[in-house]
PDB file of all heavy atoms in Angstrom:
ATOM      1  N   SER A   1      -3.579  -0.537   5.177  1.00  0.00           N
ATOM      2  CA  SER A   1      -3.889  -1.965   5.595  1.00  0.00           C
ATOM      3  C   SER A   1      -3.791  -2.944   4.530  1.00  0.00           C
ATOM      4  O   SER A   1      -3.414  -2.408   3.463  1.00  0.00           O
ATOM      5  CB  SER A   1      -5.483  -1.836   6.085  1.00  0.00           C
ATOM      6  OG  SER A   1      -6.294  -1.509   5.066  1.00  0.00           O
ATOM      7  N   LYS A   2      -4.139  -4.179   4.866  1.00  0.00           N
ATOM      8  CA  LYS A   2      -3.879  -5.130   3.811  1.00  0.00           C
ATOM      9  C   LYS A   2      -5.060  -5.931   3.634  1.00  0.00           C
ATOM     10  O   LYS A   2      -5.840  -6.202   4.638  1.00  0.00           O
ATOM     11  CB  LYS A   2      -2.772  -6.040   4.168  1.00  0.00           C
ATOM     12  CG  LYS A   2      -1.336  -5.384   4.143  1.00  0.00           C
ATOM     13  CD  LYS A   2      -0.393  -6.325   4.680  1.00  0.00           C
ATOM     14  CE  LYS A   2       1.030  -5.588   4.876  1.00  0.00           C
ATOM     15  NZ  LYS A   2       2.059  -6.465   5.628  1.00  0.00           N
ATOM     16  N   ILE A   3      -5.397  -6.496   2.476  1.00  0.00           N
ATOM     17  CA  ILE A   3      -6.660  -7.292   2.266  1.00  0.00           C
ATOM     18  C   ILE A   3      -6.049  -8.469   1.455  1.00  0.00           C
ATOM     19  O   ILE A   3      -5.006  -8.395   0.823  1.00  0.00           O
ATOM     20  CB  ILE A   3      -7.698  -6.550   1.513  1.00  0.00           C
ATOM     21  CG1 ILE A   3      -7.193  -6.006   0.126  1.00  0.00           C
ATOM     22  CG2 ILE A   3      -8.216  -5.407   2.305  1.00  0.00           C
ATOM     23  CD1 ILE A   3      -8.356  -5.373  -0.719  1.00  0.00           C
ATOM     24  N   PRO A   4      -6.925  -9.611   1.358  1.00  0.00           N
ATOM     25  CA  PRO A   4      -6.446 -10.702   0.403  1.00  0.00           C
ATOM     26  C   PRO A   4      -6.266 -10.219  -1.038  1.00  0.00           C
ATOM     27  O   PRO A   4      -7.068  -9.297  -1.565  1.00  0.00           O
ATOM     28  CB  PRO A   4      -7.621 -11.539   0.517  1.00  0.00           C
ATOM     29  CG  PRO A   4      -8.351 -11.344   1.847  1.00  0.00           C
ATOM     30  CD  PRO A   4      -8.091  -9.810   2.134  1.00  0.00           C
ATOM     31  N   ALA A   5      -5.277 -10.633  -1.558  1.00  0.00           N
ATOM     32  CA  ALA A   5      -4.855 -10.243  -2.926  1.00  0.00           C
ATOM     33  C   ALA A   5      -5.974 -10.949  -3.891  1.00  0.00           C
ATOM     34  O   ALA A   5      -5.975 -12.182  -3.735  1.00  0.00           O
ATOM     35  CB  ALA A   5      -3.446 -10.628  -3.318  1.00  0.00           C
ATOM     36  N   PRO A   6      -6.369 -10.179  -4.896  1.00  0.00           N
ATOM     37  CA  PRO A   6      -7.322 -10.750  -5.879  1.00  0.00           C
ATOM     38  C   PRO A   6      -6.525 -11.902  -6.552  1.00  0.00           C
ATOM     39  O   PRO A   6      -5.386 -11.745  -7.023  1.00  0.00           O
ATOM     40  CB  PRO A   6      -7.639  -9.687  -6.785  1.00  0.00           C
ATOM     41  CG  PRO A   6      -7.404  -8.495  -5.914  1.00  0.00           C
ATOM     42  CD  PRO A   6      -6.244  -8.762  -5.058  1.00  0.00           C
ATOM     43  N   GLY A   7      -7.252 -13.062  -6.695  1.00  0.00           N
ATOM     44  CA  GLY A   7      -6.689 -14.199  -7.311  1.00  0.00           C
ATOM     45  C   GLY A   7      -5.717 -15.080  -6.573  1.00  0.00           C
ATOM     46  O   GLY A   7      -5.249 -16.063  -6.931  1.00  0.00           O
ATOM     47  N   ALA A   8      -5.449 -14.539  -5.258  1.00  0.00           N
ATOM     48  CA  ALA A   8      -4.501 -15.254  -4.346  1.00  0.00           C
ATOM     49  C   ALA A   8      -5.127 -15.283  -2.953  1.00  0.00           C
ATOM     50  O   ALA A   8      -4.425 -15.339  -1.930  1.00  0.00           O
ATOM     51  CB  ALA A   8      -3.224 -14.712  -4.340  1.00  0.00           C
ATOM     52  N   GLU A   9      -6.526 -15.333  -2.844  1.00  0.00           N
ATOM     53  CA  GLU A   9      -7.103 -15.319  -1.586  1.00  0.00           C
ATOM     54  C   GLU A   9      -6.765 -16.453  -0.693  1.00  0.00           C
ATOM     55  O   GLU A   9      -6.613 -16.379   0.474  1.00  0.00           O
ATOM     56  CB  GLU A   9      -8.661 -15.302  -1.849  1.00  0.00           C
ATOM     57  CG  GLU A   9      -9.130 -14.000  -2.302  1.00  0.00           C
ATOM     58  CD  GLU A   9      -9.162 -14.013  -3.912  1.00  0.00           C
ATOM     59  OE1 GLU A   9      -8.587 -14.930  -4.590  1.00  0.00           O
ATOM     60  OE2 GLU A   9      -9.646 -12.972  -4.475  1.00  0.00           O
ATOM     61  N   ASP A  10      -6.462 -17.585  -1.345  1.00  0.00           N
ATOM     62  CA  ASP A  10      -6.001 -18.735  -0.597  1.00  0.00           C
ATOM     63  C   ASP A  10      -4.713 -18.657   0.089  1.00  0.00           C
ATOM     64  O   ASP A  10      -4.239 -19.404   0.909  1.00  0.00           O
ATOM     65  CB  ASP A  10      -6.058 -20.037  -1.521  1.00  0.00           C
ATOM     66  CG  ASP A  10      -5.205 -19.902  -2.691  1.00  0.00           C
ATOM     67  OD1 ASP A  10      -5.059 -18.786  -3.419  1.00  0.00           O
ATOM     68  OD2 ASP A  10      -4.321 -20.816  -3.033  1.00  0.00           O
ATOM     69  N   LEU A  11      -3.953 -17.734  -0.352  1.00  0.00           N
ATOM     70  CA  LEU A  11      -2.580 -17.454   0.214  1.00  0.00           C
ATOM     71  C   LEU A  11      -2.555 -16.313   1.324  1.00  0.00           C
ATOM     72  O   LEU A  11      -1.531 -15.863   1.786  1.00  0.00           O
ATOM     73  CB  LEU A  11      -1.600 -17.095  -0.844  1.00  0.00           C
ATOM     74  CG  LEU A  11      -1.373 -18.272  -1.768  1.00  0.00           C
ATOM     75  CD1 LEU A  11      -0.366 -17.753  -2.954  1.00  0.00           C
ATOM     76  CD2 LEU A  11      -0.860 -19.487  -1.180  1.00  0.00           C
ATOM     77  N   TRP A  12      -3.734 -15.835   1.691  1.00  0.00           N
ATOM     78  CA  TRP A  12      -3.829 -14.758   2.699  1.00  0.00           C
ATOM     79  C   TRP A  12      -3.469 -15.331   3.985  1.00  0.00           C
ATOM     80  O   TRP A  12      -3.822 -16.481   4.367  1.00  0.00           O
ATOM     81  CB  TRP A  12      -5.297 -14.229   2.639  1.00  0.00           C
ATOM     82  CG  TRP A  12      -5.647 -13.452   3.968  1.00  0.00           C
ATOM     83  CD1 TRP A  12      -6.339 -13.820   5.016  1.00  0.00           C
ATOM     84  CD2 TRP A  12      -5.338 -12.046   4.070  1.00  0.00           C
ATOM     85  NE1 TRP A  12      -6.463 -12.710   5.934  1.00  0.00           N
ATOM     86  CE2 TRP A  12      -5.774 -11.692   5.317  1.00  0.00           C
ATOM     87  CE3 TRP A  12      -4.608 -11.069   3.353  1.00  0.00           C
ATOM     88  CZ2 TRP A  12      -5.646 -10.406   5.906  1.00  0.00           C
ATOM     89  CZ3 TRP A  12      -4.435  -9.813   3.819  1.00  0.00           C
ATOM     90  CH2 TRP A  12      -4.971  -9.519   5.155  1.00  0.00           C
ATOM     91  N   PRO A  13      -2.740 -14.782   4.831  1.00  0.00           N
ATOM     92  CA  PRO A  13      -2.204 -13.348   4.805  1.00  0.00           C
ATOM     93  C   PRO A  13      -0.800 -13.327   4.251  1.00  0.00           C
ATOM     94  O   PRO A  13      -0.269 -12.240   4.268  1.00  0.00           O
ATOM     95  CB  PRO A  13      -2.134 -13.003   6.279  1.00  0.00           C
ATOM     96  CG  PRO A  13      -1.819 -14.267   6.869  1.00  0.00           C
ATOM     97  CD  PRO A  13      -2.536 -15.392   6.140  1.00  0.00           C
ATOM     98  N   HIS A  14      -0.299 -14.317   3.590  1.00  0.00           N
ATOM     99  CA  HIS A  14       1.051 -14.472   3.145  1.00  0.00           C
ATOM    100  C   HIS A  14       1.188 -13.655   1.851  1.00  0.00           C
ATOM    101  O   HIS A  14       2.413 -12.947   1.594  1.00  0.00           O
ATOM    102  CB  HIS A  14       1.548 -15.764   2.865  1.00  0.00           C
ATOM    103  CG  HIS A  14       1.426 -16.542   4.051  1.00  0.00           C
ATOM    104  ND1 HIS A  14       2.177 -16.494   5.230  1.00  0.00           N
ATOM    105  CD2 HIS A  14       0.360 -17.604   4.467  1.00  0.00           C
ATOM    106  CE1 HIS A  14       1.720 -17.481   6.091  1.00  0.00           C
ATOM    107  NE2 HIS A  14       0.631 -18.005   5.622  1.00  0.00           N
ATOM    108  N   VAL A  15       0.151 -13.448   1.055  1.00  0.00           N
ATOM    109  CA  VAL A  15       0.199 -12.642  -0.081  1.00  0.00           C
ATOM    110  C   VAL A  15      -0.991 -11.714   0.065  1.00  0.00           C
ATOM    111  O   VAL A  15      -2.187 -12.133   0.210  1.00  0.00           O
ATOM    112  CB  VAL A  15       0.084 -13.418  -1.501  1.00  0.00           C
ATOM    113  CG1 VAL A  15       0.077 -12.490  -2.698  1.00  0.00           C
ATOM    114  CG2 VAL A  15       1.275 -14.378  -1.546  1.00  0.00           C
ATOM    115  N   ALA A  16      -0.756 -10.356   0.013  1.00  0.00           N
ATOM    116  CA  ALA A  16      -1.869  -9.367   0.319  1.00  0.00           C
ATOM    117  C   ALA A  16      -1.834  -8.197  -0.668  1.00  0.00           C
ATOM    118  O   ALA A  16      -0.770  -8.042  -1.355  1.00  0.00           O
ATOM    119  CB  ALA A  16      -1.701  -8.873   1.809  1.00  0.00           C
ATOM    120  N   GLN A  17      -2.887  -7.510  -0.712  1.00  0.00           N
ATOM    121  CA  GLN A  17      -2.936  -6.314  -1.434  1.00  0.00           C
ATOM    122  C   GLN A  17      -2.871  -5.156  -0.577  1.00  0.00           C
ATOM    123  O   GLN A  17      -3.691  -5.180   0.542  1.00  0.00           O
ATOM    124  CB  GLN A  17      -4.125  -6.292  -2.340  1.00  0.00           C
ATOM    125  CG  GLN A  17      -4.274  -4.963  -3.144  1.00  0.00           C
ATOM    126  CD  GLN A  17      -5.429  -5.002  -4.088  1.00  0.00           C
ATOM    127  OE1 GLN A  17      -6.461  -5.655  -3.802  1.00  0.00           O
ATOM    128  NE2 GLN A  17      -5.404  -4.229  -5.216  1.00  0.00           N
ATOM    129  N   LEU A  18      -2.144  -4.157  -0.755  1.00  0.00           N
ATOM    130  CA  LEU A  18      -2.043  -2.957   0.111  1.00  0.00           C
ATOM    131  C   LEU A  18      -3.082  -2.037  -0.161  1.00  0.00           C
ATOM    132  O   LEU A  18      -3.378  -1.709  -1.328  1.00  0.00           O
ATOM    133  CB  LEU A  18      -0.532  -2.332  -0.081  1.00  0.00           C
ATOM    134  CG  LEU A  18      -0.170  -1.304   0.970  1.00  0.00           C
ATOM    135  CD1 LEU A  18       0.008  -1.824   2.350  1.00  0.00           C
ATOM    136  CD2 LEU A  18       1.116  -0.556   0.545  1.00  0.00           C
ATOM    137  N   VAL A  19      -3.701  -1.588   0.812  1.00  0.00           N
ATOM    138  CA  VAL A  19      -4.791  -0.518   0.739  1.00  0.00           C
ATOM    139  C   VAL A  19      -4.261   0.667   1.444  1.00  0.00           C
ATOM    140  O   VAL A  19      -4.053   0.744   2.678  1.00  0.00           O
ATOM    141  CB  VAL A  19      -6.050  -1.045   1.452  1.00  0.00           C
ATOM    142  CG1 VAL A  19      -7.158   0.102   1.385  1.00  0.00           C
ATOM    143  CG2 VAL A  19      -6.717  -2.329   0.705  1.00  0.00           C
ATOM    144  N   ASP A  20      -3.984   1.634   0.672  1.00  0.00           N
ATOM    145  CA  ASP A  20      -3.478   2.954   1.107  1.00  0.00           C
ATOM    146  C   ASP A  20      -3.924   4.025   0.341  1.00  0.00           C
ATOM    147  O   ASP A  20      -3.242   4.694  -0.671  1.00  0.00           O
ATOM    148  CB  ASP A  20      -1.999   2.945   1.067  1.00  0.00           C
ATOM    149  CG  ASP A  20      -1.286   4.036   1.788  1.00  0.00           C
ATOM    150  OD1 ASP A  20      -1.959   4.875   2.520  1.00  0.00           O
ATOM    151  OD2 ASP A  20      -0.024   4.267   1.489  1.00  0.00           O
ATOM    152  N   PRO A  21      -5.374   4.432   0.355  1.00  0.00           N
ATOM    153  CA  PRO A  21      -5.841   5.411  -0.415  1.00  0.00           C
ATOM    154  C   PRO A  21      -5.006   6.648  -0.546  1.00  0.00           C
ATOM    155  O   PRO A  21      -4.637   7.238   0.466  1.00  0.00           O
ATOM    156  CB  PRO A  21      -7.185   5.776   0.333  1.00  0.00           C
ATOM    157  CG  PRO A  21      -7.530   4.494   1.081  1.00  0.00           C
ATOM    158  CD  PRO A  21      -6.098   3.948   1.519  1.00  0.00           C
ATOM    159  N   GLY A  22      -4.830   7.071  -1.732  1.00  0.00           N
ATOM    160  CA  GLY A  22      -3.921   8.284  -1.974  1.00  0.00           C
ATOM    161  C   GLY A  22      -2.362   8.055  -1.984  1.00  0.00           C
ATOM    162  O   GLY A  22      -1.684   8.907  -2.440  1.00  0.00           O
ATOM    163  N   GLY A  23      -2.066   6.827  -1.432  1.00  0.00           N
ATOM    164  CA  GLY A  23      -0.551   6.494  -1.352  1.00  0.00           C
ATOM    165  C   GLY A  23      -0.197   5.987  -2.594  1.00  0.00           C
ATOM    166  O   GLY A  23      -0.948   5.293  -3.449  1.00  0.00           O
ATOM    167  N   GLU A  24       1.208   6.082  -2.986  1.00  0.00           N
ATOM    168  CA  GLU A  24       1.667   5.670  -4.207  1.00  0.00           C
ATOM    169  C   GLU A  24       1.728   4.068  -4.267  1.00  0.00           C
ATOM    170  O   GLU A  24       1.881   3.556  -5.428  1.00  0.00           O
ATOM    171  CB  GLU A  24       3.066   6.213  -4.570  1.00  0.00           C
ATOM    172  CG  GLU A  24       4.201   5.606  -3.627  1.00  0.00           C
ATOM    173  CD  GLU A  24       5.526   6.386  -3.954  1.00  0.00           C
ATOM    174  OE1 GLU A  24       5.644   7.601  -3.895  1.00  0.00           O
ATOM    175  OE2 GLU A  24       6.508   5.519  -4.363  1.00  0.00           O
ATOM    176  N   LEU A  25       1.678   3.429  -3.149  1.00  0.00           N
ATOM    177  CA  LEU A  25       1.661   2.074  -3.163  1.00  0.00           C
ATOM    178  C   LEU A  25       0.275   1.311  -3.025  1.00  0.00           C
ATOM    179  O   LEU A  25       0.124   0.104  -2.994  1.00  0.00           O
ATOM    180  CB  LEU A  25       2.474   1.364  -1.982  1.00  0.00           C
ATOM    181  CG  LEU A  25       4.044   1.793  -2.130  1.00  0.00           C
ATOM    182  CD1 LEU A  25       4.830   1.256  -1.018  1.00  0.00           C
ATOM    183  CD2 LEU A  25       4.645   1.331  -3.413  1.00  0.00           C
ATOM    184  N   ASP A  26      -0.768   2.015  -3.056  1.00  0.00           N
ATOM    185  CA  ASP A  26      -2.127   1.714  -3.045  1.00  0.00           C
ATOM    186  C   ASP A  26      -2.506   0.672  -4.168  1.00  0.00           C
ATOM    187  O   ASP A  26      -2.077   0.851  -5.324  1.00  0.00           O
ATOM    188  CB  ASP A  26      -3.216   2.750  -3.120  1.00  0.00           C
ATOM    189  CG  ASP A  26      -4.527   2.225  -2.892  1.00  0.00           C
ATOM    190  OD1 ASP A  26      -4.818   1.504  -2.003  1.00  0.00           O
ATOM    191  OD2 ASP A  26      -5.405   2.710  -3.778  1.00  0.00           O
ATOM    192  N   GLY A  27      -2.890  -0.585  -3.776  1.00  0.00           N
ATOM    193  CA  GLY A  27      -3.205  -1.629  -4.734  1.00  0.00           C
ATOM    194  C   GLY A  27      -2.082  -2.525  -5.055  1.00  0.00           C
ATOM    195  O   GLY A  27      -2.188  -3.627  -5.666  1.00  0.00           O
ATOM    196  N   GLU A  28      -0.769  -2.190  -4.551  1.00  0.00           N
ATOM    197  CA  GLU A  28       0.282  -3.105  -4.841  1.00  0.00           C
ATOM    198  C   GLU A  28       0.079  -4.302  -4.062  1.00  0.00           C
ATOM    199  O   GLU A  28      -0.387  -4.496  -2.967  1.00  0.00           O
ATOM    200  CB  GLU A  28       1.608  -2.468  -4.356  1.00  0.00           C
ATOM    201  CG  GLU A  28       2.058  -1.285  -5.255  1.00  0.00           C
ATOM    202  CD  GLU A  28       2.321  -1.715  -6.681  1.00  0.00           C
ATOM    203  OE1 GLU A  28       3.027  -2.711  -6.884  1.00  0.00           O
ATOM    204  OE2 GLU A  28       2.033  -0.931  -7.591  1.00  0.00           O
TER     205      GLU A  28
END
């Protein structure tokens, strides 16, 4: 799933942080 990116909350949903526990892209 995606959440607002830290430090770029005002650009949500255009810039997001990927939440994928255990996945290699988690946090990207």
